[in-house]
Amino acid sequence: MRYYLEFEKPLQELECKIEELKRLSDGNNLKISTEIKNLEKKAREIHSHIFSNLTAWQKTLLARHPERPYTLDYINLIAADFVELHGDRLFGDDPAVVGGFARLGRFPVMVLGHQKGRGVKDRISRNFGQPNPEGYRKALRLMKLAERFKKPVVTFIDTPGAFPGLGAEERGQAEAIAENLMEMSSLKIPVISVLIGEGGSGGALAISVADRLFMLEHSVYSVISPEGCAAILWKKSGEIGVNEYAQAAQALKITAEDMLKAKVIDGIIPEPLGGANRDPEATAKNLLETIVAALEELTIKPVGKLVEDRYKKLKKLGGFTGAAKPAPVEK
């Protein structure tokens, strides 16, 4: 049975009725067939209206949709000859990060990303897509391996953030993320990153330093979750709920449109009506076309220019909207 988010509820009853009529219809009842067509037309109109007016908070919920495709789903849909590699050669293997050699179109690449997991056991095993330091060290090991064999790197980002547990901190979580940022900035191979769901804080940044950074239409990218932001801003004002989360999400500017306007990303990959969870195959097709086009452009660049352009791109991030006036000096 399809999972509906709260803002999709107007659609739920209508689509359930359509499915019920389809079960009752034998294909020969003209009255039922006509009714189904009319309801399907109405459902498309409601669907289109809902998804043309999504708020930042609603997009956050959609980015976290439990039926949304994850990294391994996309790898299965768009990659050939995938061979998963394990371990960081220092501590262990972190299932929250997956990766290995594969082929996208005509390009052999190293593909890696966060994996949240399906079902309770798998989600617990993968720590709900929150990597430990060994996950980021595994990612870096795979990227350095790709560099050795002169193969491009493609990363898929989908995490609430790096795991903040005591063990993770003891094993050097911050250092692992920082090292990834430094090493990725100077990799002598093309790097392409795609936000496929939720891009949370340093946990997302650690595998998104890239020559080209894209976002799926309904993904989000933020320094902190709307819930975390709301807890900081309104912790003294009593109960915090959906209204505060929505205000925080809007203020954080976390949507793909916001990121493109701020020149943080290089492009938005469209999703089918209703989001990637409604049609993973169509989303994967759009994803593959974008990645292959970027690879066509980046693989012909000389190594020196590739690294130089990446450095310039990173330096341009951020900016000033105005200079603050200095505080008056007391005499």
Protein backbone atom coordinates (compact mmCIF):
# COMPACT_ATOMS: atom_id res chain seq x y z
CA MET A 1 0.00 0.00 0.00
CA ARG A 2 1.32 3.45 -0.94
CA TYR A 3 2.52 5.73 1.85
CA TYR A 4 0.99 9.22 1.86
CA LEU A 5 2.47 12.28 3.52
CA GLU A 6 0.13 14.59 5.44
CA PHE A 7 -0.11 17.17 2.65
CA GLU A 8 -0.99 14.38 0.16
CA LYS A 9 -4.11 13.33 2.11
CA PRO A 10 -6.53 15.04 -0.36
CA LEU A 11 -5.15 12.67 -2.98
CA GLN A 12 -5.27 9.52 -0.89
CA GLU A 13 -9.03 9.04 -0.76
CA LEU A 14 -9.38 9.70 -4.49
CA GLU A 15 -6.63 7.27 -5.51
CA CYS A 16 -7.97 4.58 -3.17
CA LYS A 17 -11.39 4.94 -4.78
CA ILE A 18 -9.82 4.63 -8.26
CA GLU A 19 -8.03 1.42 -7.24
CA GLU A 20 -11.26 0.01 -5.79
CA LEU A 21 -13.18 0.74 -9.01
CA LYS A 22 -10.41 -0.87 -11.08
CA ARG A 23 -10.72 -4.03 -9.00
CA LEU A 24 -14.50 -4.08 -9.53
CA SER A 25 -14.31 -3.33 -13.25
CA ASP A 26 -14.00 -6.16 -15.76
CA GLY A 27 -13.21 -3.74 -18.57
CA ASN A 28 -16.64 -4.09 -20.18
CA ASN A 29 -18.65 -1.81 -17.88
CA LEU A 30 -18.69 1.51 -19.71
CA LYS A 31 -20.14 3.40 -16.74
CA ILE A 32 -17.35 2.30 -14.38
CA SER A 33 -14.66 2.91 -17.03
CA THR A 34 -15.93 6.45 -17.57
CA GLU A 35 -16.03 7.08 -13.82
CA ILE A 36 -12.43 5.86 -13.50
CA LYS A 37 -11.26 8.20 -16.28
CA ASN A 38 -13.02 11.17 -14.66
CA LEU A 39 -11.53 10.40 -11.25
CA GLU A 40 -8.04 9.94 -12.75
CA LYS A 41 -8.31 13.34 -14.43
CA LYS A 42 -9.39 14.93 -11.15
CA ALA A 43 -6.53 13.16 -9.31
CA ARG A 44 -3.98 14.53 -11.79
CA GLU A 45 -5.32 18.05 -11.30
CA ILE A 46 -5.16 17.78 -7.49
CA HIS A 47 -1.71 16.21 -7.68
CA SER A 48 -0.43 18.97 -9.93
CA HIS A 49 -1.88 21.67 -7.67
CA ILE A 50 -0.33 20.19 -4.52
CA PHE A 51 3.14 19.79 -6.02
CA SER A 52 3.21 23.19 -7.66
CA ASN A 53 2.88 24.87 -4.24
CA LEU A 54 5.16 22.88 -1.94
CA THR A 55 6.72 24.68 1.00
CA ALA A 56 10.31 24.12 2.14
CA TRP A 57 9.04 21.98 5.04
CA GLN A 58 6.89 19.84 2.74
CA LYS A 59 9.92 19.32 0.48
CA THR A 60 11.88 18.23 3.55
CA LEU A 61 9.23 15.62 4.32
CA LEU A 62 9.26 14.48 0.69
CA ALA A 63 13.07 14.21 0.73
CA ARG A 64 12.68 11.85 3.71
CA HIS A 65 9.83 9.84 2.16
CA PRO A 66 10.24 6.18 3.23
CA GLU A 67 9.56 4.97 -0.33
CA ARG A 68 12.03 7.36 -1.96
CA PRO A 69 14.85 5.59 -3.86
CA TYR A 70 18.18 5.32 -2.03
CA THR A 71 21.74 4.99 -3.34
CA LEU A 72 21.58 1.23 -3.96
CA ASP A 73 18.23 1.63 -5.74
CA TYR A 74 19.75 4.10 -8.19
CA ILE A 75 22.86 1.97 -8.64
CA ASN A 76 20.65 -1.01 -9.53
CA LEU A 77 18.67 1.13 -11.98
CA ILE A 78 21.44 3.02 -13.79
CA ALA A 79 24.74 1.20 -13.22
CA ALA A 80 26.18 -1.91 -14.84
CA ASP A 81 28.81 -4.30 -13.46
CA PHE A 82 28.65 -2.87 -9.93
CA VAL A 83 31.17 -4.45 -7.54
CA GLU A 84 30.72 -3.31 -3.95
CA LEU A 85 33.85 -2.73 -1.89
CA HIS A 86 33.99 -2.79 1.91
CA GLY A 87 35.99 -1.51 4.84
CA ASP A 88 38.20 1.45 5.69
CA ARG A 89 41.32 -0.67 6.44
CA LEU A 90 41.53 1.04 9.84
CA PHE A 91 38.54 0.02 11.97
CA GLY A 92 35.78 -1.76 10.07
CA ASP A 93 33.03 -1.55 7.48
CA ASP A 94 30.23 1.01 7.84
CA PRO A 95 27.04 -0.12 6.04
CA ALA A 96 25.74 3.50 6.10
CA VAL A 97 28.14 4.21 3.21
CA VAL A 98 28.19 1.95 0.16
CA GLY A 99 30.42 2.11 -2.88
CA GLY A 100 32.34 0.31 -5.57
CA PHE A 101 33.35 0.30 -9.21
CA ALA A 102 30.58 0.36 -11.81
CA ARG A 103 29.79 1.58 -15.30
CA LEU A 104 27.46 4.51 -16.05
CA GLY A 105 26.76 4.63 -19.76
CA ARG A 106 30.16 4.26 -21.43
CA PHE A 107 32.05 5.51 -18.37
CA PRO A 108 33.70 3.23 -15.78
CA VAL A 109 33.40 5.08 -12.45
CA MET A 110 33.66 4.75 -8.71
CA VAL A 111 30.13 5.25 -7.37
CA LEU A 112 29.39 5.68 -3.67
CA GLY A 113 26.83 7.19 -1.35
CA HIS A 114 24.81 7.10 1.85
CA GLN A 115 22.38 4.23 2.34
CA LYS A 116 19.47 4.56 4.79
CA GLY A 117 18.13 1.03 4.47
CA ARG A 118 14.75 -0.62 3.89
CA GLY A 119 12.80 -2.17 6.73
CA VAL A 120 13.53 -2.02 10.44
CA LYS A 121 16.49 -4.44 10.57
CA ASP A 122 18.23 -2.93 7.54
CA ARG A 123 17.73 0.62 8.83
CA ILE A 124 19.20 -0.25 12.20
CA SER A 125 22.11 -2.04 10.52
CA ARG A 126 22.82 1.03 8.37
CA ASN A 127 22.25 3.40 11.30
CA PHE A 128 19.49 5.19 9.33
CA GLY A 129 22.09 6.52 6.87
CA GLN A 130 24.17 8.27 9.54
CA PRO A 131 27.82 7.30 8.94
CA ASN A 132 30.47 6.76 11.57
CA PRO A 133 34.07 7.88 10.91
CA GLU A 134 34.87 4.53 9.27
CA GLY A 135 32.15 5.27 6.71
CA TYR A 136 33.85 8.48 5.63
CA ARG A 137 37.28 6.83 5.71
CA LYS A 138 35.91 4.05 3.51
CA ALA A 139 34.55 6.68 1.10
CA LEU A 140 37.94 8.40 0.98
CA ARG A 141 39.73 5.08 0.46
CA LEU A 142 37.48 4.34 -2.52
CA MET A 143 38.00 7.82 -3.98
CA LYS A 144 41.79 7.50 -3.67
CA LEU A 145 41.54 4.07 -5.31
CA ALA A 146 39.57 5.63 -8.18
CA GLU A 147 42.26 8.30 -8.49
CA ARG A 148 44.95 5.63 -8.74
CA PHE A 149 43.11 4.02 -11.67
CA LYS A 150 42.10 7.40 -13.18
CA LYS A 151 38.35 6.74 -12.91
CA PRO A 152 35.77 9.49 -12.16
CA VAL A 153 33.92 9.51 -8.85
CA VAL A 154 30.12 9.84 -8.57
CA THR A 155 28.60 10.33 -5.11
CA PHE A 156 24.97 10.18 -3.96
CA ILE A 157 24.12 12.18 -0.83
CA ASP A 158 21.22 11.19 1.43
CA THR A 159 21.82 11.50 5.16
CA PRO A 160 20.35 13.33 8.17
CA GLY A 161 23.97 13.94 9.16
CA ALA A 162 27.07 12.21 10.50
CA PHE A 163 26.37 10.04 13.55
CA PRO A 164 26.96 12.10 16.74
CA GLY A 165 27.45 9.17 19.11
CA LEU A 166 30.21 8.89 21.71
CA GLY A 167 32.00 6.10 19.84
CA ALA A 168 32.00 8.11 16.62
CA GLU A 169 33.52 11.10 18.38
CA GLU A 170 36.14 8.90 20.07
CA ARG A 171 37.16 7.49 16.71
CA GLY A 172 37.57 10.96 15.15
CA GLN A 173 34.33 11.90 13.41
CA ALA A 174 35.26 15.56 12.87
CA GLU A 175 38.75 14.67 11.67
CA ALA A 176 37.39 12.12 9.19
CA ILE A 177 34.99 14.68 7.69
CA ALA A 178 37.68 17.38 7.56
CA GLU A 179 40.13 15.06 5.83
CA ASN A 180 37.53 14.15 3.20
CA LEU A 181 36.89 17.84 2.48
CA MET A 182 40.61 18.50 2.06
CA GLU A 183 41.38 15.42 -0.04
CA MET A 184 38.32 15.75 -2.32
CA SER A 185 39.24 19.33 -3.14
CA SER A 186 42.48 18.13 -4.77
CA LEU A 187 41.50 14.79 -6.36
CA LYS A 188 43.00 14.55 -9.85
CA ILE A 189 39.88 12.96 -11.32
CA PRO A 190 36.39 14.31 -12.10
CA VAL A 191 34.00 14.29 -9.13
CA ILE A 192 30.22 14.56 -9.55
CA SER A 193 27.85 14.68 -6.55
CA VAL A 194 24.05 14.47 -6.47
CA LEU A 195 21.71 15.23 -3.56
CA ILE A 196 19.11 12.46 -3.94
CA GLY A 197 17.25 13.06 -0.67
CA GLU A 198 18.30 14.68 2.55
CA GLY A 199 21.66 16.47 2.71
CA GLY A 200 22.37 17.16 6.36
CA SER A 201 25.31 19.20 7.66
CA GLY A 202 28.91 17.91 7.62
CA GLY A 203 27.63 14.39 7.05
CA ALA A 204 26.57 15.47 3.56
CA LEU A 205 29.50 17.81 2.92
CA ALA A 206 32.01 15.00 3.52
CA ILE A 207 31.23 13.41 0.13
CA SER A 208 29.97 16.44 -1.82
CA VAL A 209 33.11 18.45 -2.65
CA ALA A 210 32.75 18.13 -6.40
CA ASP A 211 33.35 19.60 -9.84
CA ARG A 212 29.60 19.40 -10.43
CA LEU A 213 26.99 19.33 -7.68
CA PHE A 214 23.36 18.61 -8.57
CA MET A 215 20.15 18.23 -6.58
CA LEU A 216 17.05 16.21 -7.36
CA GLU A 217 14.04 18.52 -7.54
CA HIS A 218 12.61 17.55 -4.15
CA SER A 219 15.85 17.05 -2.21
CA VAL A 220 17.10 19.41 0.51
CA TYR A 221 20.58 20.57 1.57
CA SER A 222 21.14 22.25 4.93
CA VAL A 223 23.63 23.02 7.68
CA ILE A 224 21.05 21.83 10.24
CA SER A 225 17.66 20.12 10.16
CA PRO A 226 14.54 22.32 10.48
CA GLU A 227 13.76 20.51 13.76
CA GLY A 228 17.23 21.23 15.13
CA CYS A 229 17.04 24.86 14.06
CA ALA A 230 13.57 25.27 15.61
CA ALA A 231 14.78 23.72 18.87
CA ILE A 232 17.55 26.33 19.08
CA LEU A 233 15.40 29.32 18.11
CA TRP A 234 12.26 28.54 20.14
CA LYS A 235 13.51 26.37 23.02
CA LYS A 236 12.38 28.95 25.58
CA SER A 237 8.94 29.61 24.12
CA GLY A 238 7.27 26.36 25.12
CA GLU A 239 6.09 23.59 22.80
CA ILE A 240 7.74 23.36 19.35
CA GLY A 241 5.68 21.92 16.52
CA VAL A 242 5.06 21.83 12.79
CA ASN A 243 4.59 25.60 12.46
CA GLU A 244 8.04 26.24 13.95
CA TYR A 245 9.59 23.53 11.75
CA ALA A 246 8.01 25.15 8.69
CA GLN A 247 9.31 28.60 9.67
CA ALA A 248 12.81 27.22 10.23
CA ALA A 249 12.80 25.34 6.90
CA GLN A 250 11.72 28.47 5.05
CA ALA A 251 14.39 30.61 6.75
CA LEU A 252 17.18 28.08 6.14
CA LYS A 253 16.71 28.21 2.32
CA ILE A 254 17.27 24.48 1.91
CA THR A 255 15.43 23.62 -1.32
CA ALA A 256 17.02 22.94 -4.69
CA GLU A 257 15.68 26.26 -6.00
CA ASP A 258 17.27 28.12 -3.08
CA MET A 259 20.60 26.35 -3.59
CA LEU A 260 20.63 27.11 -7.32
CA LYS A 261 19.80 30.76 -6.69
CA ALA A 262 22.67 30.96 -4.18
CA LYS A 263 24.99 29.28 -6.75
CA VAL A 264 25.78 26.45 -4.35
CA ILE A 265 24.72 23.82 -6.90
CA ASP A 266 25.15 23.53 -10.66
CA GLY A 267 21.72 22.28 -11.62
CA ILE A 268 18.39 20.71 -10.64
CA ILE A 269 17.39 17.25 -11.88
CA PRO A 270 13.62 17.05 -12.44
CA GLU A 271 11.48 14.43 -10.73
CA PRO A 272 8.16 12.96 -11.94
CA LEU A 273 4.95 14.45 -10.58
CA GLY A 274 4.65 13.32 -6.96
CA GLY A 275 8.38 12.83 -6.45
CA ALA A 276 10.97 10.14 -7.12
CA ASN A 277 9.04 7.66 -4.97
CA ARG A 278 6.19 7.68 -7.50
CA ASP A 279 8.41 6.74 -10.46
CA PRO A 280 11.97 5.66 -9.56
CA GLU A 281 12.71 4.52 -13.13
CA ALA A 282 11.92 7.92 -14.67
CA THR A 283 13.94 9.68 -11.96
CA ALA A 284 16.87 7.33 -12.54
CA LYS A 285 16.76 8.06 -16.27
CA ASN A 286 16.98 11.82 -15.62
CA LEU A 287 19.76 11.20 -13.12
CA LEU A 288 21.82 9.12 -15.55
CA GLU A 289 21.44 11.64 -18.38
CA THR A 290 22.68 14.46 -16.14
CA ILE A 291 25.65 12.49 -14.81
CA VAL A 292 26.73 11.25 -18.25
CA ALA A 293 26.51 14.78 -19.69
CA ALA A 294 28.71 16.06 -16.86
CA LEU A 295 31.19 13.22 -17.39
CA GLU A 296 31.36 14.00 -21.11
CA GLU A 297 32.37 17.56 -20.21
CA LEU A 298 34.74 16.84 -17.32
CA THR A 299 36.68 13.83 -18.62
CA ILE A 300 38.19 15.84 -21.49
CA LYS A 301 39.60 18.51 -19.16
CA PRO A 302 43.36 18.42 -18.46
CA VAL A 303 44.03 17.36 -14.86
CA GLY A 304 45.64 20.67 -13.91
CA LYS A 305 42.68 22.70 -15.17
CA LEU A 306 40.21 20.30 -13.54
CA VAL A 307 41.72 20.83 -10.08
CA GLU A 308 42.20 24.57 -10.64
CA ASP A 309 38.57 25.04 -11.73
CA ARG A 310 37.34 23.07 -8.72
CA TYR A 311 39.41 25.27 -6.41
CA LYS A 312 38.04 28.44 -8.00
CA LYS A 313 34.49 27.06 -7.75
CA LEU A 314 34.90 26.39 -4.02
CA LYS A 315 36.37 29.85 -3.40
CA LYS A 316 33.32 31.51 -4.96
CA LEU A 317 30.90 29.91 -2.51
CA GLY A 318 29.28 32.43 -0.16
CA GLY A 319 29.40 36.20 -0.28
CA PHE A 320 28.50 39.43 1.43
CA THR A 321 25.26 41.35 1.17
CA GLY A 322 26.69 44.44 2.89
CA ALA A 323 29.42 45.58 5.22
CA ALA A 324 28.66 45.95 8.90
CA LYS A 325 29.38 49.35 10.39
CA PRO A 326 32.13 49.32 13.02
CA ALA A 327 31.03 49.83 16.59
CA PRO A 328 31.68 53.35 17.92
CA VAL A 329 34.82 53.67 20.00
CA GLU A 330 34.20 54.94 23.50
CA LYS A 331 36.41 57.87 24.51
